[in-house]
Amino acid sequence: MNKIRKGDTVRVIAGNDKGKEGEVLRVFPKEQRIMVKGVKMITRHLRPSAKHREGGILQQEGTIHISNVLLVCPECDRPTRVGFHITETGEKLRRCKQCGKTFD
């Protein structure tokens, strides 16, 4: 089970975008990388084609390593490490290490 999932809010703790917060757009578990909205913007130069009539310069998000972000707890609104909690029914839930609330 991954600690960070699509739709989570994360804060960058290392790199050029340190301190920025954003929503996780995509997760690449095999590469241990994620794509965060507004973080590590890269520039692509597009040639005119049927899909892109005019071409031009496109700004889009790049991927960053999952170890460079911390999940922001919706309850205590602080970046925190993620722990796991198993319920009586055997369900495995993600839990905030700071306040103890579950994310799921």
PDB file of N, CA and C in Angstrom:
ATOM      1  N   MET A   1       0.849  -1.180   0.000  1.00  0.00           N
ATOM      2  CA  MET A   1       0.000   0.000   0.000  1.00  0.00           C
ATOM      3  C   MET A   1       0.894   1.243   0.000  1.00  0.00           C
ATOM      4  N   ASN A   2       0.594   2.157  -0.914  1.00  0.00           N
ATOM      5  CA  ASN A   2       1.381   3.383  -1.004  1.00  0.00           C
ATOM      6  C   ASN A   2       0.970   4.373   0.070  1.00  0.00           C
ATOM      7  N   LYS A   3       1.937   5.154   0.528  1.00  0.00           N
ATOM      8  CA  LYS A   3       1.652   6.156   1.546  1.00  0.00           C
ATOM      9  C   LYS A   3       1.066   7.417   0.946  1.00  0.00           C
ATOM     10  N   ILE A   4       1.363   7.693  -0.326  1.00  0.00           N
ATOM     11  CA  ILE A   4       0.835   8.871  -1.001  1.00  0.00           C
ATOM     12  C   ILE A   4       0.032   8.413  -2.214  1.00  0.00           C
ATOM     13  N   ARG A   5      -1.155   8.987  -2.355  1.00  0.00           N
ATOM     14  CA  ARG A   5      -2.066   8.595  -3.431  1.00  0.00           C
ATOM     15  C   ARG A   5      -2.502   9.811  -4.239  1.00  0.00           C
ATOM     16  N   LYS A   6      -3.101   9.555  -5.370  1.00  0.00           N
ATOM     17  CA  LYS A   6      -3.629  10.614  -6.218  1.00  0.00           C
ATOM     18  C   LYS A   6      -4.707  11.385  -5.453  1.00  0.00           C
ATOM     19  N   GLY A   7      -4.649  12.719  -5.535  1.00  0.00           N
ATOM     20  CA  GLY A   7      -5.626  13.560  -4.852  1.00  0.00           C
ATOM     21  C   GLY A   7      -5.181  14.061  -3.491  1.00  0.00           C
ATOM     22  N   ASP A   8      -4.101  13.507  -2.933  1.00  0.00           N
ATOM     23  CA  ASP A   8      -3.583  13.964  -1.645  1.00  0.00           C
ATOM     24  C   ASP A   8      -2.914  15.327  -1.800  1.00  0.00           C
ATOM     25  N   THR A   9      -2.874  16.094  -0.716  1.00  0.00           N
ATOM     26  CA  THR A   9      -2.137  17.349  -0.682  1.00  0.00           C
ATOM     27  C   THR A   9      -0.795  17.083  -0.033  1.00  0.00           C
ATOM     28  N   VAL A  10       0.280  17.497  -0.712  1.00  0.00           N
ATOM     29  CA  VAL A  10       1.628  17.253  -0.211  1.00  0.00           C
ATOM     30  C   VAL A  10       2.418  18.555  -0.173  1.00  0.00           C
ATOM     31  N   ARG A  11       3.475  18.583   0.648  1.00  0.00           N
ATOM     32  CA  ARG A  11       4.400  19.712   0.709  1.00  0.00           C
ATOM     33  C   ARG A  11       5.784  19.208   0.324  1.00  0.00           C
ATOM     34  N   VAL A  12       6.460  19.951  -0.545  1.00  0.00           N
ATOM     35  CA  VAL A  12       7.806  19.595  -0.992  1.00  0.00           C
ATOM     36  C   VAL A  12       8.798  19.989   0.097  1.00  0.00           C
ATOM     37  N   ILE A  13       9.682  19.043   0.481  1.00  0.00           N
ATOM     38  CA  ILE A  13      10.624  19.297   1.566  1.00  0.00           C
ATOM     39  C   ILE A  13      12.067  19.367   1.077  1.00  0.00           C
ATOM     40  N   ALA A  14      12.306  19.123  -0.218  1.00  0.00           N
ATOM     41  CA  ALA A  14      13.667  19.178  -0.749  1.00  0.00           C
ATOM     42  C   ALA A  14      13.629  19.565  -2.217  1.00  0.00           C
ATOM     43  N   GLY A  15      14.689  20.229  -2.666  1.00  0.00           N
ATOM     44  CA  GLY A  15      14.804  20.600  -4.065  1.00  0.00           C
ATOM     45  C   GLY A  15      14.510  22.066  -4.302  1.00  0.00           C
ATOM     46  N   ASN A  16      14.441  22.445  -5.584  1.00  0.00           N
ATOM     47  CA  ASN A  16      14.230  23.846  -5.959  1.00  0.00           C
ATOM     48  C   ASN A  16      12.858  24.366  -5.548  1.00  0.00           C
ATOM     49  N   ASP A  17      11.861  23.507  -5.465  1.00  0.00           N
ATOM     50  CA  ASP A  17      10.498  23.910  -5.121  1.00  0.00           C
ATOM     51  C   ASP A  17      10.187  23.682  -3.651  1.00  0.00           C
ATOM     52  N   LYS A  18      11.198  23.684  -2.794  1.00  0.00           N
ATOM     53  CA  LYS A  18      11.013  23.424  -1.364  1.00  0.00           C
ATOM     54  C   LYS A  18      10.021  24.419  -0.765  1.00  0.00           C
ATOM     55  N   GLY A  19       9.048  23.892   0.003  1.00  0.00           N
ATOM     56  CA  GLY A  19       8.051  24.718   0.661  1.00  0.00           C
ATOM     57  C   GLY A  19       6.737  24.832  -0.097  1.00  0.00           C
ATOM     58  N   LYS A  20       6.705  24.444  -1.361  1.00  0.00           N
ATOM     59  CA  LYS A  20       5.471  24.536  -2.140  1.00  0.00           C
ATOM     60  C   LYS A  20       4.532  23.401  -1.763  1.00  0.00           C
ATOM     61  N   GLU A  21       3.229  23.685  -1.838  1.00  0.00           N
ATOM     62  CA  GLU A  21       2.205  22.666  -1.601  1.00  0.00           C
ATOM     63  C   GLU A  21       1.399  22.487  -2.868  1.00  0.00           C
ATOM     64  N   GLY A  22       0.889  21.281  -3.069  1.00  0.00           N
ATOM     65  CA  GLY A  22       0.058  21.024  -4.227  1.00  0.00           C
ATOM     66  C   GLY A  22      -0.620  19.678  -4.133  1.00  0.00           C
ATOM     67  N   GLU A  23      -1.532  19.459  -5.062  1.00  0.00           N
ATOM     68  CA  GLU A  23      -2.287  18.212  -5.127  1.00  0.00           C
ATOM     69  C   GLU A  23      -1.540  17.220  -6.005  1.00  0.00           C
ATOM     70  N   VAL A  24      -1.556  15.947  -5.610  1.00  0.00           N
ATOM     71  CA  VAL A  24      -0.908  14.899  -6.387  1.00  0.00           C
ATOM     72  C   VAL A  24      -1.779  14.588  -7.603  1.00  0.00           C
ATOM     73  N   LEU A  25      -1.198  14.736  -8.798  1.00  0.00           N
ATOM     74  CA  LEU A  25      -1.923  14.480 -10.035  1.00  0.00           C
ATOM     75  C   LEU A  25      -1.796  13.030 -10.480  1.00  0.00           C
ATOM     76  N   ARG A  26      -0.583  12.492 -10.395  1.00  0.00           N
ATOM     77  CA  ARG A  26      -0.334  11.106 -10.801  1.00  0.00           C
ATOM     78  C   ARG A  26       0.706  10.487  -9.889  1.00  0.00           C
ATOM     79  N   VAL A  27       0.639   9.165  -9.749  1.00  0.00           N
ATOM     80  CA  VAL A  27       1.610   8.426  -8.948  1.00  0.00           C
ATOM     81  C   VAL A  27       2.203   7.334  -9.824  1.00  0.00           C
ATOM     82  N   PHE A  28       3.530   7.224  -9.806  1.00  0.00           N
ATOM     83  CA  PHE A  28       4.239   6.185 -10.541  1.00  0.00           C
ATOM     84  C   PHE A  28       4.927   5.284  -9.524  1.00  0.00           C
ATOM     85  N   PRO A  29       4.237   4.233  -9.030  1.00  0.00           N
ATOM     86  CA  PRO A  29       4.781   3.444  -7.917  1.00  0.00           C
ATOM     87  C   PRO A  29       6.059   2.677  -8.255  1.00  0.00           C
ATOM     88  N   LYS A  30       6.211   2.194  -9.476  1.00  0.00           N
ATOM     89  CA  LYS A  30       7.415   1.434  -9.823  1.00  0.00           C
ATOM     90  C   LYS A  30       8.658   2.306  -9.799  1.00  0.00           C
ATOM     91  N   GLU A  31       8.512   3.556 -10.250  1.00  0.00           N
ATOM     92  CA  GLU A  31       9.645   4.481 -10.259  1.00  0.00           C
ATOM     93  C   GLU A  31       9.761   5.260  -8.954  1.00  0.00           C
ATOM     94  N   GLN A  32       8.785   5.138  -8.052  1.00  0.00           N
ATOM     95  CA  GLN A  32       8.695   5.872  -6.790  1.00  0.00           C
ATOM     96  C   GLN A  32       8.733   7.376  -7.035  1.00  0.00           C
ATOM     97  N   ARG A  33       7.944   7.826  -8.009  1.00  0.00           N
ATOM     98  CA  ARG A  33       7.878   9.237  -8.358  1.00  0.00           C
ATOM     99  C   ARG A  33       6.417   9.677  -8.410  1.00  0.00           C
ATOM    100  N   ILE A  34       6.192  10.980  -8.184  1.00  0.00           N
ATOM    101  CA  ILE A  34       4.847  11.528  -8.254  1.00  0.00           C
ATOM    102  C   ILE A  34       4.861  12.823  -9.057  1.00  0.00           C
ATOM    103  N   MET A  35       3.681  13.207  -9.540  1.00  0.00           N
ATOM    104  CA  MET A  35       3.506  14.456 -10.259  1.00  0.00           C
ATOM    105  C   MET A  35       2.595  15.339  -9.407  1.00  0.00           C
ATOM    106  N   VAL A  36       3.092  16.528  -9.031  1.00  0.00           N
ATOM    107  CA  VAL A  36       2.368  17.436  -8.144  1.00  0.00           C
ATOM    108  C   VAL A  36       2.013  18.698  -8.926  1.00  0.00           C
ATOM    109  N   LYS A  37       0.780  19.169  -8.742  1.00  0.00           N
ATOM    110  CA  LYS A  37       0.287  20.344  -9.456  1.00  0.00           C
ATOM    111  C   LYS A  37       1.101  21.587  -9.085  1.00  0.00           C
ATOM    112  N   GLY A  38       1.700  22.227 -10.104  1.00  0.00           N
ATOM    113  CA  GLY A  38       2.448  23.460  -9.911  1.00  0.00           C
ATOM    114  C   GLY A  38       3.873  23.291  -9.426  1.00  0.00           C
ATOM    115  N   VAL A  39       4.375  22.054  -9.353  1.00  0.00           N
ATOM    116  CA  VAL A  39       5.719  21.789  -8.854  1.00  0.00           C
ATOM    117  C   VAL A  39       6.562  21.180  -9.970  1.00  0.00           C
ATOM    118  N   LYS A  40       7.817  21.618 -10.060  1.00  0.00           N
ATOM    119  CA  LYS A  40       8.784  21.176 -11.070  1.00  0.00           C
ATOM    120  C   LYS A  40       8.225  21.340 -12.485  1.00  0.00           C
ATOM    121  N   MET A  41       7.890  22.574 -12.802  1.00  0.00           N
ATOM    122  CA  MET A  41       7.352  22.885 -14.125  1.00  0.00           C
ATOM    123  C   MET A  41       8.460  22.765 -15.165  1.00  0.00           C
ATOM    124  N   ILE A  42       8.180  22.023 -16.245  1.00  0.00           N
ATOM    125  CA  ILE A  42       9.127  21.854 -17.328  1.00  0.00           C
ATOM    126  C   ILE A  42       8.541  22.461 -18.596  1.00  0.00           C
ATOM    127  N   THR A  43       9.403  22.793 -19.531  1.00  0.00           N
ATOM    128  CA  THR A  43       8.995  23.433 -20.776  1.00  0.00           C
ATOM    129  C   THR A  43       9.158  22.451 -21.923  1.00  0.00           C
ATOM    130  N   ARG A  44       8.089  22.274 -22.701  1.00  0.00           N
ATOM    131  CA  ARG A  44       8.139  21.434 -23.894  1.00  0.00           C
ATOM    132  C   ARG A  44       7.903  22.304 -25.116  1.00  0.00           C
ATOM    133  N   HIS A  45       8.721  22.128 -26.133  1.00  0.00           N
ATOM    134  CA  HIS A  45       8.573  22.846 -27.381  1.00  0.00           C
ATOM    135  C   HIS A  45       7.856  21.920 -28.360  1.00  0.00           C
ATOM    136  N   LEU A  46       6.667  22.338 -28.804  1.00  0.00           N
ATOM    137  CA  LEU A  46       5.846  21.485 -29.654  1.00  0.00           C
ATOM    138  C   LEU A  46       5.855  21.980 -31.091  1.00  0.00           C
ATOM    139  N   ARG A  47       6.008  21.054 -31.993  1.00  0.00           N
ATOM    140  CA  ARG A  47       5.938  21.328 -33.417  1.00  0.00           C
ATOM    141  C   ARG A  47       4.463  21.330 -33.822  1.00  0.00           C
ATOM    142  N   PRO A  48       4.053  22.162 -34.759  1.00  0.00           N
ATOM    143  CA  PRO A  48       2.651  22.139 -35.196  1.00  0.00           C
ATOM    144  C   PRO A  48       2.261  20.766 -35.751  1.00  0.00           C
ATOM    145  N   SER A  49       1.081  20.281 -35.346  1.00  0.00           N
ATOM    146  CA  SER A  49       0.582  18.984 -35.813  1.00  0.00           C
ATOM    147  C   SER A  49      -0.939  19.043 -35.823  1.00  0.00           C
ATOM    148  N   ALA A  50      -1.557  17.925 -36.148  1.00  0.00           N
ATOM    149  CA  ALA A  50      -3.024  17.877 -36.165  1.00  0.00           C
ATOM    150  C   ALA A  50      -3.595  18.088 -34.759  1.00  0.00           C
ATOM    151  N   LYS A  51      -2.898  17.580 -33.750  1.00  0.00           N
ATOM    152  CA  LYS A  51      -3.369  17.708 -32.375  1.00  0.00           C
ATOM    153  C   LYS A  51      -3.137  19.122 -31.836  1.00  0.00           C
ATOM    154  N   HIS A  52      -1.963  19.698 -32.142  1.00  0.00           N
ATOM    155  CA  HIS A  52      -1.614  21.050 -31.708  1.00  0.00           C
ATOM    156  C   HIS A  52      -1.416  21.899 -32.965  1.00  0.00           C
ATOM    157  N   ARG A  53      -2.446  22.608 -33.357  1.00  0.00           N
ATOM    158  CA  ARG A  53      -2.444  23.354 -34.624  1.00  0.00           C
ATOM    159  C   ARG A  53      -1.297  24.360 -34.721  1.00  0.00           C
ATOM    160  N   GLU A  54      -1.113  25.149 -33.668  1.00  0.00           N
ATOM    161  CA  GLU A  54      -0.115  26.204 -33.731  1.00  0.00           C
ATOM    162  C   GLU A  54       1.246  25.793 -33.189  1.00  0.00           C
ATOM    163  N   GLY A  55       1.306  24.729 -32.415  1.00  0.00           N
ATOM    164  CA  GLY A  55       2.563  24.359 -31.784  1.00  0.00           C
ATOM    165  C   GLY A  55       2.885  25.336 -30.668  1.00  0.00           C
ATOM    166  N   GLY A  56       4.159  25.576 -30.412  1.00  0.00           N
ATOM    167  CA  GLY A  56       4.559  26.562 -29.415  1.00  0.00           C
ATOM    168  C   GLY A  56       5.228  25.939 -28.205  1.00  0.00           C
ATOM    169  N   ILE A  57       5.267  26.718 -27.140  1.00  0.00           N
ATOM    170  CA  ILE A  57       5.928  26.303 -25.900  1.00  0.00           C
ATOM    171  C   ILE A  57       4.859  25.964 -24.874  1.00  0.00           C
ATOM    172  N   LEU A  58       4.968  24.777 -24.288  1.00  0.00           N
ATOM    173  CA  LEU A  58       3.980  24.282 -23.331  1.00  0.00           C
ATOM    174  C   LEU A  58       4.649  24.079 -21.975  1.00  0.00           C
ATOM    175  N   GLN A  59       4.025  24.596 -20.926  1.00  0.00           N
ATOM    176  CA  GLN A  59       4.500  24.376 -19.552  1.00  0.00           C
ATOM    177  C   GLN A  59       3.701  23.223 -18.952  1.00  0.00           C
ATOM    178  N   GLN A  60       4.396  22.240 -18.365  1.00  0.00           N
ATOM    179  CA  GLN A  60       3.706  21.135 -17.708  1.00  0.00           C
ATOM    180  C   GLN A  60       4.509  20.654 -16.521  1.00  0.00           C
ATOM    181  N   GLU A  61       3.850  19.904 -15.641  1.00  0.00           N
ATOM    182  CA  GLU A  61       4.491  19.403 -14.430  1.00  0.00           C
ATOM    183  C   GLU A  61       5.410  18.233 -14.758  1.00  0.00           C
ATOM    184  N   GLY A  62       6.547  18.193 -14.074  1.00  0.00           N
ATOM    185  CA  GLY A  62       7.443  17.054 -14.155  1.00  0.00           C
ATOM    186  C   GLY A  62       7.251  16.178 -12.926  1.00  0.00           C
ATOM    187  N   THR A  63       8.000  15.092 -12.868  1.00  0.00           N
ATOM    188  CA  THR A  63       7.877  14.191 -11.716  1.00  0.00           C
ATOM    189  C   THR A  63       8.977  14.478 -10.701  1.00  0.00           C
ATOM    190  N   ILE A  64       8.658  14.238  -9.423  1.00  0.00           N
ATOM    191  CA  ILE A  64       9.651  14.344  -8.361  1.00  0.00           C
ATOM    192  C   ILE A  64       9.626  13.053  -7.556  1.00  0.00           C
ATOM    193  N   HIS A  65      10.725  12.778  -6.882  1.00  0.00           N
ATOM    194  CA  HIS A  65      10.815  11.549  -6.106  1.00  0.00           C
ATOM    195  C   HIS A  65       9.904  11.648  -4.887  1.00  0.00           C
ATOM    196  N   ILE A  66       9.320  10.516  -4.533  1.00  0.00           N
ATOM    197  CA  ILE A  66       8.330  10.459  -3.458  1.00  0.00           C
ATOM    198  C   ILE A  66       8.952  10.788  -2.093  1.00  0.00           C
ATOM    199  N   SER A  67      10.272  10.628  -1.955  1.00  0.00           N
ATOM    200  CA  SER A  67      10.932  10.925  -0.680  1.00  0.00           C
ATOM    201  C   SER A  67      11.094  12.424  -0.456  1.00  0.00           C
ATOM    202  N   ASN A  68      10.866  13.238  -1.487  1.00  0.00           N
ATOM    203  CA  ASN A  68      11.038  14.683  -1.365  1.00  0.00           C
ATOM    204  C   ASN A  68       9.762  15.405  -0.969  1.00  0.00           C
ATOM    205  N   VAL A  69       8.708  14.660  -0.616  1.00  0.00           N
ATOM    206  CA  VAL A  69       7.454  15.273  -0.209  1.00  0.00           C
ATOM    207  C   VAL A  69       6.953  14.651   1.093  1.00  0.00           C
ATOM    208  N   LEU A  70       6.140  15.422   1.824  1.00  0.00           N
ATOM    209  CA  LEU A  70       5.439  14.926   3.004  1.00  0.00           C
ATOM    210  C   LEU A  70       3.954  15.188   2.818  1.00  0.00           C
ATOM    211  N   LEU A  71       3.151  14.261   3.244  1.00  0.00           N
ATOM    212  CA  LEU A  71       1.706  14.391   3.169  1.00  0.00           C
ATOM    213  C   LEU A  71       1.233  15.422   4.195  1.00  0.00           C
ATOM    214  N   VAL A  72       0.318  16.301   3.769  1.00  0.00           N
ATOM    215  CA  VAL A  72      -0.243  17.314   4.670  1.00  0.00           C
ATOM    216  C   VAL A  72      -1.531  16.745   5.264  1.00  0.00           C
ATOM    217  N   CYS A  73      -1.575  16.675   6.591  1.00  0.00           N
ATOM    218  CA  CYS A  73      -2.749  16.142   7.293  1.00  0.00           C
ATOM    219  C   CYS A  73      -3.905  17.131   7.176  1.00  0.00           C
ATOM    220  N   PRO A  74      -5.097  16.681   6.752  1.00  0.00           N
ATOM    221  CA  PRO A  74      -6.234  17.593   6.654  1.00  0.00           C
ATOM    222  C   PRO A  74      -6.756  18.051   8.019  1.00  0.00           C
ATOM    223  N   GLU A  75      -6.491  17.299   9.066  1.00  0.00           N
ATOM    224  CA  GLU A  75      -6.976  17.657  10.407  1.00  0.00           C
ATOM    225  C   GLU A  75      -6.083  18.699  11.076  1.00  0.00           C
ATOM    226  N   CYS A  76      -4.783  18.392  11.203  1.00  0.00           N
ATOM    227  CA  CYS A  76      -3.881  19.317  11.903  1.00  0.00           C
ATOM    228  C   CYS A  76      -3.192  20.290  10.948  1.00  0.00           C
ATOM    229  N   ASP A  77      -3.360  20.120   9.637  1.00  0.00           N
ATOM    230  CA  ASP A  77      -2.855  21.024   8.597  1.00  0.00           C
ATOM    231  C   ASP A  77      -1.337  21.209   8.681  1.00  0.00           C
ATOM    232  N   ARG A  78      -0.627  20.126   9.006  1.00  0.00           N
ATOM    233  CA  ARG A  78       0.833  20.148   9.050  1.00  0.00           C
ATOM    234  C   ARG A  78       1.365  18.992   8.212  1.00  0.00           C
ATOM    235  N   PRO A  79       2.558  19.146   7.626  1.00  0.00           N
ATOM    236  CA  PRO A  79       3.155  18.010   6.928  1.00  0.00           C
ATOM    237  C   PRO A  79       3.556  16.945   7.942  1.00  0.00           C
ATOM    238  N   THR A  80       3.276  15.705   7.605  1.00  0.00           N
ATOM    239  CA  THR A  80       3.503  14.633   8.569  1.00  0.00           C
ATOM    240  C   THR A  80       3.918  13.351   7.862  1.00  0.00           C
ATOM    241  N   ARG A  81       4.574  12.500   8.618  1.00  0.00           N
ATOM    242  CA  ARG A  81       4.858  11.162   8.111  1.00  0.00           C
ATOM    243  C   ARG A  81       3.584  10.335   8.219  1.00  0.00           C
ATOM    244  N   VAL A  82       3.536   9.257   7.454  1.00  0.00           N
ATOM    245  CA  VAL A  82       2.328   8.441   7.399  1.00  0.00           C
ATOM    246  C   VAL A  82       2.594   7.101   8.061  1.00  0.00           C
ATOM    247  N   GLY A  83       1.678   6.716   8.960  1.00  0.00           N
ATOM    248  CA  GLY A  83       1.724   5.402   9.570  1.00  0.00           C
ATOM    249  C   GLY A  83       0.511   4.612   9.127  1.00  0.00           C
ATOM    250  N   PHE A  84       0.437   3.361   9.505  1.00  0.00           N
ATOM    251  CA  PHE A  84      -0.699   2.519   9.140  1.00  0.00           C
ATOM    252  C   PHE A  84      -1.384   2.003  10.386  1.00  0.00           C
ATOM    253  N   HIS A  85      -2.689   1.846  10.284  1.00  0.00           N
ATOM    254  CA  HIS A  85      -3.508   1.361  11.388  1.00  0.00           C
ATOM    255  C   HIS A  85      -4.424   0.284  10.824  1.00  0.00           C
ATOM    256  N   ILE A  86      -4.470  -0.871  11.476  1.00  0.00           N
ATOM    257  CA  ILE A  86      -5.340  -1.966  11.029  1.00  0.00           C
ATOM    258  C   ILE A  86      -6.555  -1.996  11.937  1.00  0.00           C
ATOM    259  N   THR A  87      -7.743  -1.931  11.324  1.00  0.00           N
ATOM    260  CA  THR A  87      -8.998  -1.920  12.087  1.00  0.00           C
ATOM    261  C   THR A  87      -9.378  -3.334  12.503  1.00  0.00           C
ATOM    262  N   GLU A  88     -10.474  -3.436  13.254  1.00  0.00           N
ATOM    263  CA  GLU A  88     -10.953  -4.743  13.709  1.00  0.00           C
ATOM    264  C   GLU A  88     -11.393  -5.620  12.543  1.00  0.00           C
ATOM    265  N   THR A  89     -11.852  -4.988  11.462  1.00  0.00           N
ATOM    266  CA  THR A  89     -12.309  -5.746  10.286  1.00  0.00           C
ATOM    267  C   THR A  89     -11.155  -6.163   9.390  1.00  0.00           C
ATOM    268  N   GLY A  90      -9.924  -5.761   9.729  1.00  0.00           N
ATOM    269  CA  GLY A  90      -8.755  -6.135   8.950  1.00  0.00           C
ATOM    270  C   GLY A  90      -8.404  -5.128   7.866  1.00  0.00           C
ATOM    271  N   GLU A  91      -9.084  -3.991   7.862  1.00  0.00           N
ATOM    272  CA  GLU A  91      -8.814  -2.963   6.857  1.00  0.00           C
ATOM    273  C   GLU A  91      -7.591  -2.152   7.278  1.00  0.00           C
ATOM    274  N   LYS A  92      -6.693  -1.888   6.322  1.00  0.00           N
ATOM    275  CA  LYS A  92      -5.471  -1.144   6.589  1.00  0.00           C
ATOM    276  C   LYS A  92      -5.680   0.312   6.182  1.00  0.00           C
ATOM    277  N   LEU A  93      -5.562   1.230   7.143  1.00  0.00           N
ATOM    278  CA  LEU A  93      -5.799   2.645   6.899  1.00  0.00           C
ATOM    279  C   LEU A  93      -4.530   3.451   7.140  1.00  0.00           C
ATOM    280  N   ARG A  94      -4.376   4.542   6.397  1.00  0.00           N
ATOM    281  CA  ARG A  94      -3.259   5.462   6.606  1.00  0.00           C
ATOM    282  C   ARG A  94      -3.589   6.367   7.786  1.00  0.00           C
ATOM    283  N   ARG A  95      -2.566   6.706   8.593  1.00  0.00           N
ATOM    284  CA  ARG A  95      -2.790   7.487   9.799  1.00  0.00           C
ATOM    285  C   ARG A  95      -1.709   8.546   9.952  1.00  0.00           C
ATOM    286  N   CYS A  96      -2.108   9.710  10.451  1.00  0.00           N
ATOM    287  CA  CYS A  96      -1.188  10.816  10.721  1.00  0.00           C
ATOM    288  C   CYS A  96      -0.347  10.480  11.944  1.00  0.00           C
ATOM    289  N   LYS A  97       0.967  10.652  11.849  1.00  0.00           N
ATOM    290  CA  LYS A  97       1.842  10.385  12.985  1.00  0.00           C
ATOM    291  C   LYS A  97       1.778  11.499  14.028  1.00  0.00           C
ATOM    292  N   GLN A  98       1.312  12.705  13.623  1.00  0.00           N
ATOM    293  CA  GLN A  98       1.246  13.837  14.546  1.00  0.00           C
ATOM    294  C   GLN A  98       0.021  13.769  15.451  1.00  0.00           C
ATOM    295  N   CYS A  99      -1.191  13.704  14.787  1.00  0.00           N
ATOM    296  CA  CYS A  99      -2.431  13.788  15.574  1.00  0.00           C
ATOM    297  C   CYS A  99      -3.158  12.444  15.699  1.00  0.00           C
ATOM    298  N   GLY A 100      -2.787  11.442  14.916  1.00  0.00           N
ATOM    299  CA  GLY A 100      -3.401  10.124  15.028  1.00  0.00           C
ATOM    300  C   GLY A 100      -4.671   9.928  14.220  1.00  0.00           C
ATOM    301  N   LYS A 101      -5.145  10.934  13.489  1.00  0.00           N
ATOM    302  CA  LYS A 101      -6.360  10.802  12.684  1.00  0.00           C
ATOM    303  C   LYS A 101      -6.059  10.000  11.428  1.00  0.00           C
ATOM    304  N   THR A 102      -7.089   9.295  10.915  1.00  0.00           N
ATOM    305  CA  THR A 102      -6.911   8.515   9.689  1.00  0.00           C
ATOM    306  C   THR A 102      -7.239   9.384   8.468  1.00  0.00           C
ATOM    307  N   PHE A 103      -6.564   9.116   7.365  1.00  0.00           N
ATOM    308  CA  PHE A 103      -6.761   9.873   6.127  1.00  0.00           C
ATOM    309  C   PHE A 103      -7.913   9.321   5.300  1.00  0.00           C
ATOM    310  N   ASP A 104      -8.108   8.016   5.343  1.00  0.00           N
ATOM    311  CA  ASP A 104      -9.081   7.360   4.459  1.00  0.00           C
ATOM    312  C   ASP A 104     -10.474   7.322   5.076  1.00  0.00           C
TER     313      ASP A 104
END
